[in-house]
Amino acid sequence: MRTKFYTYLSVVLMLLFSAGFAWAQDVQVSGTVYDETGTPIPGVSILVKGTTRGTTTDLDGKYSISAPNSGVLVFSFIGYTTVEESVGNRSRIEVNLSPDLSELEEVVVVGYGTQKKSQLTGAISSVGNKEIQELPITDARQALQGRAAGVDVTQAGSKPGSAPQVRIRGRRSFNASNEPLYVIDGIPTVGGLEDINPSDITSMEVLKDASATAIYGSRGSNGVVLITTKRGNVGKTVVSLDTYYGLNEELGRIDVFNGEEFAEYKRESRRATGRYPEGPATAEADAKIFEPVELESIALGRSTDYPAGLLRTGNIQNHQIGISGGSEKTTFFVSGNYFKDVGIIYNQDFTRYTFRVNLDHQINKKIKIGTSTLFTYSLRNGENFNPMGGALAENPLGKPYDDEGNLIFLPTTDGLRTNPFAEIVPGAQLDETKRYRAFTSLYGSWEITKGLTYRLVFGPDLNIRRSGRFTGSQTNARRGGPATGSVDDRFNFNYTLENILTYSKTLKSIHNFNLTALQSFQQDRFEQTTLSVQGIPAPSQLYHRLGDASQITGANTQLIEWSLLSYMARVNYTFKDKFLITGTVRADGSSRFGENNKFGYFPSAAVGWNMHQENFLKNSTKVDQLKLRVSYGSIGNQAIVPYQTQALLGRTSYAWDVNTAAFGYRPNTIGNPDLRWETSTTFNTGVDFSFFKGRILGSLEYYVTNTSDLLAPQPLPNSTGFGGFTTNIGETQNRGIELSLSTLNIEKGDFTWSTDIIFTRNREKIVSLPNGDDIAAGRFIGKPLTVFYDLKKIGIWQTSEKDLAASFGDKPGEIKVEDLNGDGRINSLDRQFLGSAVPDFSMGMTNRISYKGFDFSFFIFTRQGSMIRSLFHTSNNNLFGRYNNLDVDYWTPTNPTNAYPRPNENQEFPKYNSSMNLFDGSFVKVRNINFGYTFNDIALKKLGLSSFRLYSSIQNPFIWSEYRSVHKGIDPETFIDGEQGVEAGAITANVTPPVVQYTFGINVKF
């Protein structure tokens, strides 16, 4: 029953309005509050309307409150419809609350306003505070993974401070951004979300179809994520403390050869060329191919595990204090937060301090003002630093330290392989990024007349970023050469100014109109200064006195500005809450386009039908909500680098005399004044449902998005003197289905069990290209935007196939690839489509179980059917006997495997080696296991607290994947799109291993 399920949460909420205020004694009212079955409900809120007077029902559902006889008592309880009762001369008021049968009646932020779920006509997914707080996350976007249908969220590696990638309903564009728009408290942001404290967020709404996103025009071309932060409530001041601490440990490690295995692998690489005799190893033969330090290690059985030496136990901690409350005039929410994530690799960590003030003030009955202000300082170490790749390649037979414990810079005589442990010596490397950010939303609201409101919003966003890098002499990058240093200073100021007019009107109680008109202006200014030097005299200077260096190797500044002028009109109409219509039109003018096509116009329309309001369903005991929706509309994309419409100059040098060069300028790019908006047109149909008094509810969506006039570079013949220019070419399509399903499986006494399931299936493809398939760019009609197009490995040539292998120019022990066209030769014509990073489907499932004060939940996420390219299966799988190698099952005459080829000292990389790094990227992950206990109200009274919860959680404890279990990979999750230096669908060669995280925390309210 809902009664028991929500009891303790409601008690916590209602204590916010409890004692602490005194008022005049008028009428003493008492009574009992019952549910629909006549069972008393504890924890119901009773508030004197328009005041801060309040109380809650006790464990028997009874209450007592003093109220004026002219007052109104408001009875509210989570999961039930709010009831208001006039006091009059009554001293006893009994109340029966009816269940609020459907979550579809919840209010949802839709952009420039809110709507009930039952009145929505667009495709919107919501993630609430409960889902966000279940995970100890760095970035709010991580909470969307597996929690919002149609949203693909991937995290590449576990490096602290790294941002996840979000794609809503697939990729549309080749060259323009596929990143969604993030709107925080009504203000679009271009500065990213890594500065936003997830603990401050109360909800996240994802707008997916054209009807929902059209109000943001070109900025919403890839979907919109609306983020609403916490605000104050009328009532007593509430102080909350949320804190957790956790430990991070590696979840698997890339398996490379140990000393003994490396020695045998090196021998085999020489056997393949005749430089080492067949048969068992001998000391005489070893002496000819191993250097003295290697022979010493073989004799002593010494093996150095370099990757292990770079790893540590990391930790994560988060401490937040929040203060909220307010009066009828002013409400406030203030919070301060400290977050730190120490990675499992030395010199990798991320620290963030945030301070937030959200304030709302009612000046009079007509005018209201407010602000949402965020100040952030963060420090990230190791953004571009990772010594793991070098450690994987290091010879385990080398000697890292001398007998006195001093580090040996060259463990072997190989001059290209320095000691990986030298990378983490204090002062050897420094790679830190400091960010300062002030993000503010200021608003003023004026109710001009009943139903007509004007709202002015101003949102300045100031982002200052400073990156400093120092690389000492005793590192692999310098190998004893002069130390280098660099700084990268970035200043970004963006502001949005919006004028919003809304009008609401109800006619004859059956016609409801809501009109919204918008004028918006956004401007962005980005400045960057970079300086790099070589020959820093003292390592202690790091990057702080670059002027003392002996040589300046680079210096540059740049300025990029753009602006966007927009107009929007939207009308929402409902008839008897049964038939719904939404129409939107938006015009965007972008400085990124030339005069010929500066403005783009994007209309959309949607209709909805609440079938449950019809007579044939109105009295149904099984169907609570059933709504059909259809929408169609267009949105644009202008997310390209500014100045593409203009012909730009570049500096060049000319031969002046023998020793002197003259500098001048030449045409560097071709401008395209006819560059126009990339346009996506979406058809969406959906059904929202709720059955059996909310025990089964959710939504099902089907959509088709066609994108035309793609913004992409068009190559030109080299004879023109230019590599190409940006233009509009081709079309793409995304189509898919989405399912969001929530079930209340068991509700019996104090025990409840509920499940949330999210399913997403998206198919993207290129529909047309101006000149057919573009093999050089890897674009093929009918295929996803990026594919893996290569030779297909079908095994290893065996001894019995010696003659056939020779006909292809191969020999036993080498990779056998498929002769696709059967011409007896292997060449570029035998390349084929092997797969794509786009999964067949993704799915998330959350189960929540509660019994009395105990709660238990676990979250599972899966992606199936994608292909990945594992780059460390190339970099660390060269099999030529010089560097260490992945511990693979390689071919020998006595081990005729079909897995990996025979080591060969004469081949720096195996023939057709690119065919060895493509794998099935499917996986199933247990993302989170959470167990907690919430103290009951009796214990809370003794402790003097409003609420108190203890919990423990485990993040990412299990990964099931063939890539891990068979191919010795570690984590197949990677970006679907190229970003942050990571190729689309690729696992980097210098990957940070995934981590399993154990956290312990408390949530307290006073």
Foldseek 3Di string as FASTA:
>chain_A
DVQLVQQFVLLLVQVLLDDDDDDDAAAKAKEFEAEPVRQTHWNKWKDWPQFSHIDTAHPRRMDIGGDHQQIKIWTDGPQWDIDIDRRHRDRYDYYYTYGPQDQQQDWDDQAPDIDRNLQDFFDKFKDFLVLLVQDPDQFSVVSCFQRGFQKHWFDFFDFPLDDIAIFGQDAWFQFFDLGAWEAEPRRTDPPDGSQPDSNFWGMKMKGHACLRQCQVFQNGQRTYIYTYGDWFDAHHKKKWKWKKKWKWDFQADFFFDWLVRLLVLLLLQCVVVPLHDPDDDDPVSSVVRDDPLLSVCVVVVAFDQLLVVQFDIKMKMKIKMWMWHDHPFKTKIKMWMWIKTGHRGPFWIKIKIKIWIWMKGDPDPFKIKIKIKMKMKMKTTDLPDFLNLLSLFANRSFDQADPVGHGDQCSDPPLLRGRSVCCRDPLQKTKMKMKIKMWMKIKMKGCPDVQKIKMKIKIKIKMKMKIKIKHCCSDSVNSNHWIKIKMKIKIKIKMKIKIKIWGWDDDPNFKIKIKIKMKMKMKMKMKMKMWMATADPDSVCRHVCRVNHPGTPDIDMDMAMKMKIKIKMKMWIGGNSFKIKIKMKMKMAIQQAAPVARIDIKIKMKMKGFVCPDPVNVPDQWWDTKMKMKMKMKHWHDRDGGPLQDFDKDKDWDCDDDPDIDIDIDTAADHNNPAYTWMKMKIKIKMWTATNSRQKTWMKMKMKIKIFQHWDWDADPCVVVYGTGTGGWFMKMKIWMKIWMKGFPDDDDQKTKIKIKIKIFMAMFTQDGPVAADVVCQHHGPHHRHFDWAWAFPFFAAQVCAVLQVLAVHGGQATDTDPCVPPSYDDSVRIDTDFAQRFRMKMKMKMWMGGNFKIKMWMKIKTFHHKAFECLCFSQDQLQSDTIHRPDQGDDNVRRGGQHGGRHVVGSHGVRSSNNGMDGLIKMWTAKIKIKGKDRPVVCVVVVFSIKMKMKMKGGPDMDDCCCPPVSDAHQTDACPDDSNAHHRYNDSSHHRHIMMIMIMMMTMD
